[in-house]
Amino acid sequence: MHIPIEHILLLSAVLFSIGVLAVITKRHAVVVLMGIELIFNAANLNLVAFSRHDPQLLQGQLFSLFVIVVAAAEAAVALAIVLRVYQHFKTANLNEISTTEK
């Protein structure tokens, strides 16, 4: 069964839009990180869709794999930072975090 590229691109656009909406509107640090991950996954979906559509673009799948590895490392570091910020400020709400000592 062959899925048309238009459907894949529409799904990617929806994922990207949800990710941007989460980053812009939410104030909880973990939700913002999940929005960033959705944006990464939308870009990966585009890379794989275009490389599947044109067999000469096999680099899209390799680049997508590279982005997944970098996103996993980014998520681990970001969650560690959120954990330290929570331990220091006793909140994960981005609006309540300040540079002044508590």
PDB file of N, CA and C in Angstrom:
ATOM      1  N   MET A   1       0.850  -1.185   0.000  1.00  0.00           N
ATOM      2  CA  MET A   1       0.000   0.000   0.000  1.00  0.00           C
ATOM      3  C   MET A   1       0.889   1.239   0.000  1.00  0.00           C
ATOM      4  N   HIS A   2       0.587   2.162  -0.881  1.00  0.00           N
ATOM      5  CA  HIS A   2       1.383   3.366  -1.024  1.00  0.00           C
ATOM      6  C   HIS A   2       0.602   4.569  -0.485  1.00  0.00           C
ATOM      7  N   ILE A   3       1.184   5.265   0.447  1.00  0.00           N
ATOM      8  CA  ILE A   3       0.558   6.463   1.015  1.00  0.00           C
ATOM      9  C   ILE A   3       1.036   7.670   0.215  1.00  0.00           C
ATOM     10  N   PRO A   4       0.131   8.489  -0.274  1.00  0.00           N
ATOM     11  CA  PRO A   4       0.553   9.668  -1.048  1.00  0.00           C
ATOM     12  C   PRO A   4       1.380  10.626  -0.193  1.00  0.00           C
ATOM     13  N   ILE A   5       2.328  11.280  -0.834  1.00  0.00           N
ATOM     14  CA  ILE A   5       3.226  12.174  -0.109  1.00  0.00           C
ATOM     15  C   ILE A   5       2.465  13.363   0.476  1.00  0.00           C
ATOM     16  N   GLU A   6       1.360  13.736  -0.146  1.00  0.00           N
ATOM     17  CA  GLU A   6       0.569  14.858   0.367  1.00  0.00           C
ATOM     18  C   GLU A   6       0.027  14.562   1.764  1.00  0.00           C
ATOM     19  N   HIS A   7      -0.379  13.317   1.995  1.00  0.00           N
ATOM     20  CA  HIS A   7      -0.899  12.942   3.313  1.00  0.00           C
ATOM     21  C   HIS A   7       0.208  12.982   4.364  1.00  0.00           C
ATOM     22  N   ILE A   8       1.376  12.535   3.985  1.00  0.00           N
ATOM     23  CA  ILE A   8       2.503  12.557   4.927  1.00  0.00           C
ATOM     24  C   ILE A   8       2.893  13.991   5.245  1.00  0.00           C
ATOM     25  N   LEU A   9       2.918  14.843   4.239  1.00  0.00           N
ATOM     26  CA  LEU A   9       3.272  16.249   4.465  1.00  0.00           C
ATOM     27  C   LEU A   9       2.213  16.963   5.296  1.00  0.00           C
ATOM     28  N   LEU A  10       0.950  16.600   5.109  1.00  0.00           N
ATOM     29  CA  LEU A  10      -0.114  17.178   5.932  1.00  0.00           C
ATOM     30  C   LEU A  10       0.050  16.764   7.393  1.00  0.00           C
ATOM     31  N   LEU A  11       0.343  15.488   7.618  1.00  0.00           N
ATOM     32  CA  LEU A  11       0.595  15.011   8.981  1.00  0.00           C
ATOM     33  C   LEU A  11       1.793  15.731   9.589  1.00  0.00           C
ATOM     34  N   SER A  12       2.830  15.920   8.806  1.00  0.00           N
ATOM     35  CA  SER A  12       4.013  16.628   9.291  1.00  0.00           C
ATOM     36  C   SER A  12       3.686  18.082   9.654  1.00  0.00           C
ATOM     37  N   ALA A  13       2.880  18.728   8.835  1.00  0.00           N
ATOM     38  CA  ALA A  13       2.491  20.112   9.121  1.00  0.00           C
ATOM     39  C   ALA A  13       1.660  20.198  10.396  1.00  0.00           C
ATOM     40  N   VAL A  14       0.779  19.222  10.607  1.00  0.00           N
ATOM     41  CA  VAL A  14      -0.036  19.196  11.829  1.00  0.00           C
ATOM     42  C   VAL A  14       0.859  19.000  13.049  1.00  0.00           C
ATOM     43  N   LEU A  15       1.805  18.046  12.969  1.00  0.00           N
ATOM     44  CA  LEU A  15       2.738  17.827  14.085  1.00  0.00           C
ATOM     45  C   LEU A  15       3.553  19.082  14.380  1.00  0.00           C
ATOM     46  N   PHE A  16       4.046  19.720  13.324  1.00  0.00           N
ATOM     47  CA  PHE A  16       4.831  20.935  13.499  1.00  0.00           C
ATOM     48  C   PHE A  16       3.999  22.034  14.150  1.00  0.00           C
ATOM     49  N   SER A  17       2.759  22.194  13.709  1.00  0.00           N
ATOM     50  CA  SER A  17       1.883  23.230  14.263  1.00  0.00           C
ATOM     51  C   SER A  17       1.571  22.981  15.734  1.00  0.00           C
ATOM     52  N   ILE A  18       1.320  21.726  16.078  1.00  0.00           N
ATOM     53  CA  ILE A  18       1.059  21.391  17.482  1.00  0.00           C
ATOM     54  C   ILE A  18       2.295  21.670  18.327  1.00  0.00           C
ATOM     55  N   GLY A  19       3.475  21.338  17.796  1.00  0.00           N
ATOM     56  CA  GLY A  19       4.721  21.607  18.518  1.00  0.00           C
ATOM     57  C   GLY A  19       4.959  23.090  18.736  1.00  0.00           C
ATOM     58  N   VAL A  20       4.750  23.878  17.701  1.00  0.00           N
ATOM     59  CA  VAL A  20       4.924  25.335  17.832  1.00  0.00           C
ATOM     60  C   VAL A  20       3.904  25.903  18.801  1.00  0.00           C
ATOM     61  N   LEU A  21       2.678  25.436  18.738  1.00  0.00           N
ATOM     62  CA  LEU A  21       1.638  25.898  19.660  1.00  0.00           C
ATOM     63  C   LEU A  21       2.013  25.574  21.106  1.00  0.00           C
ATOM     64  N   ALA A  22       2.557  24.378  21.332  1.00  0.00           N
ATOM     65  CA  ALA A  22       2.970  24.004  22.689  1.00  0.00           C
ATOM     66  C   ALA A  22       4.125  24.869  23.177  1.00  0.00           C
ATOM     67  N   VAL A  23       5.078  25.155  22.319  1.00  0.00           N
ATOM     68  CA  VAL A  23       6.227  25.974  22.719  1.00  0.00           C
ATOM     69  C   VAL A  23       5.794  27.402  23.031  1.00  0.00           C
ATOM     70  N   ILE A  24       4.884  27.935  22.237  1.00  0.00           N
ATOM     71  CA  ILE A  24       4.477  29.337  22.406  1.00  0.00           C
ATOM     72  C   ILE A  24       3.520  29.524  23.581  1.00  0.00           C
ATOM     73  N   THR A  25       2.560  28.618  23.753  1.00  0.00           N
ATOM     74  CA  THR A  25       1.495  28.871  24.729  1.00  0.00           C
ATOM     75  C   THR A  25       1.734  28.275  26.104  1.00  0.00           C
ATOM     76  N   LYS A  26       2.449  27.189  26.201  1.00  0.00           N
ATOM     77  CA  LYS A  26       2.596  26.523  27.495  1.00  0.00           C
ATOM     78  C   LYS A  26       3.777  27.095  28.265  1.00  0.00           C
ATOM     79  N   ARG A  27       3.680  27.062  29.575  1.00  0.00           N
ATOM     80  CA  ARG A  27       4.720  27.605  30.438  1.00  0.00           C
ATOM     81  C   ARG A  27       5.440  26.527  31.230  1.00  0.00           C
ATOM     82  N   HIS A  28       4.973  25.305  31.197  1.00  0.00           N
ATOM     83  CA  HIS A  28       5.640  24.236  31.924  1.00  0.00           C
ATOM     84  C   HIS A  28       6.823  23.750  31.088  1.00  0.00           C
ATOM     85  N   ALA A  29       7.987  23.623  31.701  1.00  0.00           N
ATOM     86  CA  ALA A  29       9.212  23.328  30.984  1.00  0.00           C
ATOM     87  C   ALA A  29       9.155  21.986  30.258  1.00  0.00           C
ATOM     88  N   VAL A  30       8.548  20.981  30.861  1.00  0.00           N
ATOM     89  CA  VAL A  30       8.488  19.663  30.227  1.00  0.00           C
ATOM     90  C   VAL A  30       7.571  19.702  28.998  1.00  0.00           C
ATOM     91  N   VAL A  31       6.489  20.445  29.060  1.00  0.00           N
ATOM     92  CA  VAL A  31       5.576  20.555  27.918  1.00  0.00           C
ATOM     93  C   VAL A  31       6.265  21.303  26.776  1.00  0.00           C
ATOM     94  N   VAL A  32       7.050  22.301  27.092  1.00  0.00           N
ATOM     95  CA  VAL A  32       7.809  23.024  26.064  1.00  0.00           C
ATOM     96  C   VAL A  32       8.813  22.078  25.406  1.00  0.00           C
ATOM     97  N   LEU A  33       9.473  21.242  26.188  1.00  0.00           N
ATOM     98  CA  LEU A  33      10.408  20.266  25.621  1.00  0.00           C
ATOM     99  C   LEU A  33       9.674  19.263  24.729  1.00  0.00           C
ATOM    100  N   MET A  34       8.484  18.850  25.128  1.00  0.00           N
ATOM    101  CA  MET A  34       7.711  17.936  24.281  1.00  0.00           C
ATOM    102  C   MET A  34       7.324  18.618  22.968  1.00  0.00           C
ATOM    103  N   GLY A  35       7.023  19.908  23.017  1.00  0.00           N
ATOM    104  CA  GLY A  35       6.725  20.654  21.791  1.00  0.00           C
ATOM    105  C   GLY A  35       7.921  20.717  20.857  1.00  0.00           C
ATOM    106  N   ILE A  36       9.102  20.903  21.425  1.00  0.00           N
ATOM    107  CA  ILE A  36      10.324  20.915  20.609  1.00  0.00           C
ATOM    108  C   ILE A  36      10.556  19.545  19.973  1.00  0.00           C
ATOM    109  N   GLU A  37      10.290  18.494  20.715  1.00  0.00           N
ATOM    110  CA  GLU A  37      10.433  17.144  20.165  1.00  0.00           C
ATOM    111  C   GLU A  37       9.427  16.904  19.031  1.00  0.00           C
ATOM    112  N   LEU A  38       8.220  17.426  19.161  1.00  0.00           N
ATOM    113  CA  LEU A  38       7.246  17.303  18.075  1.00  0.00           C
ATOM    114  C   LEU A  38       7.732  18.014  16.818  1.00  0.00           C
ATOM    115  N   ILE A  39       8.359  19.161  16.982  1.00  0.00           N
ATOM    116  CA  ILE A  39       8.906  19.896  15.838  1.00  0.00           C
ATOM    117  C   ILE A  39      10.009  19.078  15.172  1.00  0.00           C
ATOM    118  N   PHE A  40      10.897  18.486  15.971  1.00  0.00           N
ATOM    119  CA  PHE A  40      11.948  17.625  15.421  1.00  0.00           C
ATOM    120  C   PHE A  40      11.346  16.448  14.658  1.00  0.00           C
ATOM    121  N   ASN A  41      10.315  15.829  15.229  1.00  0.00           N
ATOM    122  CA  ASN A  41       9.701  14.677  14.574  1.00  0.00           C
ATOM    123  C   ASN A  41       8.997  15.066  13.276  1.00  0.00           C
ATOM    124  N   ALA A  42       8.427  16.253  13.227  1.00  0.00           N
ATOM    125  CA  ALA A  42       7.813  16.721  11.983  1.00  0.00           C
ATOM    126  C   ALA A  42       8.875  16.908  10.902  1.00  0.00           C
ATOM    127  N   ALA A  43      10.012  17.449  11.278  1.00  0.00           N
ATOM    128  CA  ALA A  43      11.104  17.602  10.308  1.00  0.00           C
ATOM    129  C   ALA A  43      11.612  16.243   9.849  1.00  0.00           C
ATOM    130  N   ASN A  44      11.736  15.300  10.769  1.00  0.00           N
ATOM    131  CA  ASN A  44      12.164  13.950  10.401  1.00  0.00           C
ATOM    132  C   ASN A  44      11.175  13.298   9.443  1.00  0.00           C
ATOM    133  N   LEU A  45       9.900  13.479   9.691  1.00  0.00           N
ATOM    134  CA  LEU A  45       8.882  12.912   8.818  1.00  0.00           C
ATOM    135  C   LEU A  45       8.993  13.483   7.410  1.00  0.00           C
ATOM    136  N   ASN A  46       9.277  14.767   7.308  1.00  0.00           N
ATOM    137  CA  ASN A  46       9.491  15.381   5.993  1.00  0.00           C
ATOM    138  C   ASN A  46      10.700  14.784   5.299  1.00  0.00           C
ATOM    139  N   LEU A  47      11.792  14.630   6.030  1.00  0.00           N
ATOM    140  CA  LEU A  47      13.002  14.071   5.430  1.00  0.00           C
ATOM    141  C   LEU A  47      12.755  12.660   4.898  1.00  0.00           C
ATOM    142  N   VAL A  48      12.099  11.832   5.678  1.00  0.00           N
ATOM    143  CA  VAL A  48      11.835  10.455   5.257  1.00  0.00           C
ATOM    144  C   VAL A  48      10.841  10.434   4.097  1.00  0.00           C
ATOM    145  N   ALA A  49       9.839  11.284   4.129  1.00  0.00           N
ATOM    146  CA  ALA A  49       8.842  11.309   3.046  1.00  0.00           C
ATOM    147  C   ALA A  49       9.494  11.692   1.724  1.00  0.00           C
ATOM    148  N   PHE A  50      10.330  12.709   1.743  1.00  0.00           N
ATOM    149  CA  PHE A  50      10.965  13.132   0.506  1.00  0.00           C
ATOM    150  C   PHE A  50      11.996  12.126   0.017  1.00  0.00           C
ATOM    151  N   SER A  51      12.688  11.466   0.940  1.00  0.00           N
ATOM    152  CA  SER A  51      13.662  10.468   0.498  1.00  0.00           C
ATOM    153  C   SER A  51      12.957   9.218  -0.032  1.00  0.00           C
ATOM    154  N   ARG A  52      11.769   8.929   0.474  1.00  0.00           N
ATOM    155  CA  ARG A  52      11.002   7.791  -0.052  1.00  0.00           C
ATOM    156  C   ARG A  52      10.384   8.127  -1.408  1.00  0.00           C
ATOM    157  N   HIS A  53      10.011   9.386  -1.585  1.00  0.00           N
ATOM    158  CA  HIS A  53       9.409   9.823  -2.840  1.00  0.00           C
ATOM    159  C   HIS A  53      10.438   9.831  -3.970  1.00  0.00           C
ATOM    160  N   ASP A  54      11.673  10.215  -3.678  1.00  0.00           N
ATOM    161  CA  ASP A  54      12.742  10.257  -4.672  1.00  0.00           C
ATOM    162  C   ASP A  54      13.857   9.321  -4.222  1.00  0.00           C
ATOM    163  N   PRO A  55      14.015   8.176  -4.854  1.00  0.00           N
ATOM    164  CA  PRO A  55      15.002   7.180  -4.397  1.00  0.00           C
ATOM    165  C   PRO A  55      16.442   7.685  -4.412  1.00  0.00           C
ATOM    166  N   GLN A  56      16.730   8.748  -5.131  1.00  0.00           N
ATOM    167  CA  GLN A  56      18.089   9.274  -5.158  1.00  0.00           C
ATOM    168  C   GLN A  56      18.424  10.084  -3.914  1.00  0.00           C
ATOM    169  N   LEU A  57      17.433  10.360  -3.095  1.00  0.00           N
ATOM    170  CA  LEU A  57      17.634  11.159  -1.886  1.00  0.00           C
ATOM    171  C   LEU A  57      17.718  10.282  -0.650  1.00  0.00           C
ATOM    172  N   LEU A  58      18.531   9.263  -0.670  1.00  0.00           N
ATOM    173  CA  LEU A  58      18.665   8.379   0.488  1.00  0.00           C
ATOM    174  C   LEU A  58      19.323   9.080   1.671  1.00  0.00           C
ATOM    175  N   GLN A  59      19.962  10.200   1.428  1.00  0.00           N
ATOM    176  CA  GLN A  59      20.573  10.938   2.534  1.00  0.00           C
ATOM    177  C   GLN A  59      19.523  11.458   3.501  1.00  0.00           C
ATOM    178  N   GLY A  60      18.294  11.625   3.058  1.00  0.00           N
ATOM    179  CA  GLY A  60      17.227  12.095   3.942  1.00  0.00           C
ATOM    180  C   GLY A  60      16.980  11.144   5.093  1.00  0.00           C
ATOM    181  N   GLN A  61      17.005   9.850   4.819  1.00  0.00           N
ATOM    182  CA  GLN A  61      16.806   8.868   5.883  1.00  0.00           C
ATOM    183  C   GLN A  61      17.995   8.843   6.838  1.00  0.00           C
ATOM    184  N   LEU A  62      19.194   8.969   6.300  1.00  0.00           N
ATOM    185  CA  LEU A  62      20.382   8.994   7.162  1.00  0.00           C
ATOM    186  C   LEU A  62      20.398  10.257   8.022  1.00  0.00           C
ATOM    187  N   PHE A  63      20.043  11.379   7.424  1.00  0.00           N
ATOM    188  CA  PHE A  63      20.006  12.619   8.185  1.00  0.00           C
ATOM    189  C   PHE A  63      18.915  12.564   9.249  1.00  0.00           C
ATOM    190  N   SER A  64      17.803  11.930   8.928  1.00  0.00           N
ATOM    191  CA  SER A  64      16.730  11.771   9.905  1.00  0.00           C
ATOM    192  C   SER A  64      17.191  10.941  11.096  1.00  0.00           C
ATOM    193  N   LEU A  65      17.934   9.878  10.841  1.00  0.00           N
ATOM    194  CA  LEU A  65      18.485   9.063  11.920  1.00  0.00           C
ATOM    195  C   LEU A  65      19.443   9.879  12.781  1.00  0.00           C
ATOM    196  N   PHE A  66      20.255  10.706  12.150  1.00  0.00           N
ATOM    197  CA  PHE A  66      21.164  11.579  12.888  1.00  0.00           C
ATOM    198  C   PHE A  66      20.392  12.561  13.764  1.00  0.00           C
ATOM    199  N   VAL A  67      19.319  13.132  13.241  1.00  0.00           N
ATOM    200  CA  VAL A  67      18.506  14.088  14.009  1.00  0.00           C
ATOM    201  C   VAL A  67      17.855  13.387  15.202  1.00  0.00           C
ATOM    202  N   ILE A  68      17.427  12.135  15.029  1.00  0.00           N
ATOM    203  CA  ILE A  68      16.828  11.388  16.134  1.00  0.00           C
ATOM    204  C   ILE A  68      17.843  11.191  17.254  1.00  0.00           C
ATOM    205  N   VAL A  69      19.078  10.846  16.889  1.00  0.00           N
ATOM    206  CA  VAL A  69      20.127  10.649  17.900  1.00  0.00           C
ATOM    207  C   VAL A  69      20.428  11.960  18.623  1.00  0.00           C
ATOM    208  N   VAL A  70      20.541  13.040  17.881  1.00  0.00           N
ATOM    209  CA  VAL A  70      20.812  14.345  18.505  1.00  0.00           C
ATOM    210  C   VAL A  70      19.634  14.775  19.377  1.00  0.00           C
ATOM    211  N   ALA A  71      18.408  14.520  18.943  1.00  0.00           N
ATOM    212  CA  ALA A  71      17.231  14.892  19.732  1.00  0.00           C
ATOM    213  C   ALA A  71      17.158  14.087  21.026  1.00  0.00           C
ATOM    214  N   ALA A  72      17.573  12.832  20.984  1.00  0.00           N
ATOM    215  CA  ALA A  72      17.582  12.027  22.209  1.00  0.00           C
ATOM    216  C   ALA A  72      18.606  12.576  23.201  1.00  0.00           C
ATOM    217  N   ALA A  73      19.768  12.956  22.709  1.00  0.00           N
ATOM    218  CA  ALA A  73      20.778  13.557  23.589  1.00  0.00           C
ATOM    219  C   ALA A  73      20.299  14.902  24.116  1.00  0.00           C
ATOM    220  N   GLU A  74      19.664  15.676  23.266  1.00  0.00           N
ATOM    221  CA  GLU A  74      19.132  16.979  23.687  1.00  0.00           C
ATOM    222  C   GLU A  74      18.065  16.806  24.756  1.00  0.00           C
ATOM    223  N   ALA A  75      17.199  15.821  24.585  1.00  0.00           N
ATOM    224  CA  ALA A  75      16.138  15.582  25.566  1.00  0.00           C
ATOM    225  C   ALA A  75      16.724  15.170  26.910  1.00  0.00           C
ATOM    226  N   ALA A  76      17.756  14.344  26.898  1.00  0.00           N
ATOM    227  CA  ALA A  76      18.378  13.914  28.155  1.00  0.00           C
ATOM    228  C   ALA A  76      19.015  15.098  28.880  1.00  0.00           C
ATOM    229  N   VAL A  77      19.741  15.925  28.153  1.00  0.00           N
ATOM    230  CA  VAL A  77      20.380  17.095  28.769  1.00  0.00           C
ATOM    231  C   VAL A  77      19.325  18.092  29.243  1.00  0.00           C
ATOM    232  N   ALA A  78      18.308  18.329  28.420  1.00  0.00           N
ATOM    233  CA  ALA A  78      17.272  19.292  28.796  1.00  0.00           C
ATOM    234  C   ALA A  78      16.492  18.834  30.022  1.00  0.00           C
ATOM    235  N   LEU A  79      16.179  17.553  30.098  1.00  0.00           N
ATOM    236  CA  LEU A  79      15.462  17.057  31.279  1.00  0.00           C
ATOM    237  C   LEU A  79      16.333  17.137  32.532  1.00  0.00           C
ATOM    238  N   ALA A  80      17.625  16.921  32.380  1.00  0.00           N
ATOM    239  CA  ALA A  80      18.533  17.083  33.523  1.00  0.00           C
ATOM    240  C   ALA A  80      18.559  18.538  33.993  1.00  0.00           C
ATOM    241  N   ILE A  81      18.561  19.464  33.049  1.00  0.00           N
ATOM    242  CA  ILE A  81      18.534  20.889  33.400  1.00  0.00           C
ATOM    243  C   ILE A  81      17.218  21.244  34.080  1.00  0.00           C
ATOM    244  N   VAL A  82      16.107  20.734  33.559  1.00  0.00           N
ATOM    245  CA  VAL A  82      14.792  21.003  34.173  1.00  0.00           C
ATOM    246  C   VAL A  82      14.760  20.448  35.590  1.00  0.00           C
ATOM    247  N   LEU A  83      15.329  19.280  35.801  1.00  0.00           N
ATOM    248  CA  LEU A  83      15.370  18.693  37.137  1.00  0.00           C
ATOM    249  C   LEU A  83      16.160  19.563  38.097  1.00  0.00           C
ATOM    250  N   ARG A  84      17.314  20.068  37.670  1.00  0.00           N
ATOM    251  CA  ARG A  84      18.114  20.949  38.530  1.00  0.00           C
ATOM    252  C   ARG A  84      17.396  22.277  38.799  1.00  0.00           C
ATOM    253  N   VAL A  85      16.751  22.819  37.785  1.00  0.00           N
ATOM    254  CA  VAL A  85      15.993  24.063  37.971  1.00  0.00           C
ATOM    255  C   VAL A  85      14.853  23.830  38.951  1.00  0.00           C
ATOM    256  N   TYR A  86      14.176  22.701  38.845  1.00  0.00           N
ATOM    257  CA  TYR A  86      13.087  22.390  39.772  1.00  0.00           C
ATOM    258  C   TYR A  86      13.609  22.242  41.201  1.00  0.00           C
ATOM    259  N   GLN A  87      14.760  21.602  41.359  1.00  0.00           N
ATOM    260  CA  GLN A  87      15.330  21.439  42.693  1.00  0.00           C
ATOM    261  C   GLN A  87      15.717  22.798  43.290  1.00  0.00           C
ATOM    262  N   HIS A  88      16.165  23.715  42.456  1.00  0.00           N
ATOM    263  CA  HIS A  88      16.598  25.019  42.958  1.00  0.00           C
ATOM    264  C   HIS A  88      15.418  25.968  43.205  1.00  0.00           C
ATOM    265  N   PHE A  89      14.514  26.072  42.243  1.00  0.00           N
ATOM    266  CA  PHE A  89      13.423  27.042  42.329  1.00  0.00           C
ATOM    267  C   PHE A  89      12.116  26.452  42.842  1.00  0.00           C
ATOM    268  N   LYS A  90      12.026  25.129  42.973  1.00  0.00           N
ATOM    269  CA  LYS A  90      10.814  24.434  43.432  1.00  0.00           C
ATOM    270  C   LYS A  90       9.631  24.661  42.505  1.00  0.00           C
ATOM    271  N   THR A  91       9.896  24.876  41.221  1.00  0.00           N
ATOM    272  CA  THR A  91       8.853  25.005  40.214  1.00  0.00           C
ATOM    273  C   THR A  91       9.435  24.665  38.849  1.00  0.00           C
ATOM    274  N   ALA A  92       8.573  24.185  37.963  1.00  0.00           N
ATOM    275  CA  ALA A  92       8.966  23.946  36.579  1.00  0.00           C
ATOM    276  C   ALA A  92       8.242  24.909  35.647  1.00  0.00           C
ATOM    277  N   ASN A  93       7.504  25.854  36.230  1.00  0.00           N
ATOM    278  CA  ASN A  93       6.807  26.867  35.451  1.00  0.00           C
ATOM    279  C   ASN A  93       7.816  27.918  35.001  1.00  0.00           C
ATOM    280  N   LEU A  94       7.918  28.128  33.703  1.00  0.00           N
ATOM    281  CA  LEU A  94       8.929  29.033  33.173  1.00  0.00           C
ATOM    282  C   LEU A  94       8.698  30.492  33.577  1.00  0.00           C
ATOM    283  N   ASN A  95       7.450  30.877  33.841  1.00  0.00           N
ATOM    284  CA  ASN A  95       7.164  32.255  34.253  1.00  0.00           C
ATOM    285  C   ASN A  95       7.602  32.536  35.686  1.00  0.00           C
ATOM    286  N   GLU A  96       7.707  31.514  36.510  1.00  0.00           N
ATOM    287  CA  GLU A  96       8.049  31.710  37.919  1.00  0.00           C
ATOM    288  C   GLU A  96       9.548  31.594  38.203  1.00  0.00           C
ATOM    289  N   ILE A  97      10.317  31.239  37.215  1.00  0.00           N
ATOM    290  CA  ILE A  97      11.765  31.094  37.395  1.00  0.00           C
ATOM    291  C   ILE A  97      12.403  32.459  37.198  1.00  0.00           C
ATOM    292  N   SER A  98      13.224  32.851  38.161  1.00  0.00           N
ATOM    293  CA  SER A  98      13.910  34.145  38.038  1.00  0.00           C
ATOM    294  C   SER A  98      15.385  33.926  38.348  1.00  0.00           C
ATOM    295  N   THR A  99      16.166  34.944  38.081  1.00  0.00           N
ATOM    296  CA  THR A  99      17.605  34.850  38.319  1.00  0.00           C
ATOM    297  C   THR A  99      17.978  35.238  39.740  1.00  0.00           C
ATOM    298  N   THR A 100      17.017  35.739  40.512  1.00  0.00           N
ATOM    299  CA  THR A 100      17.306  36.107  41.894  1.00  0.00           C
ATOM    300  C   THR A 100      17.337  34.865  42.761  1.00  0.00           C
ATOM    301  N   GLU A 101      18.156  34.892  43.777  1.00  0.00           N
ATOM    302  CA  GLU A 101      18.312  33.770  44.700  1.00  0.00           C
ATOM    303  C   GLU A 101      17.088  33.643  45.596  1.00  0.00           C
ATOM    304  N   LYS A 102      16.616  32.433  45.793  1.00  0.00           N
ATOM    305  CA  LYS A 102      15.465  32.209  46.680  1.00  0.00           C
ATOM    306  C   LYS A 102      15.926  31.610  47.962  1.00  0.00           C
TER     307      LYS A 102
END
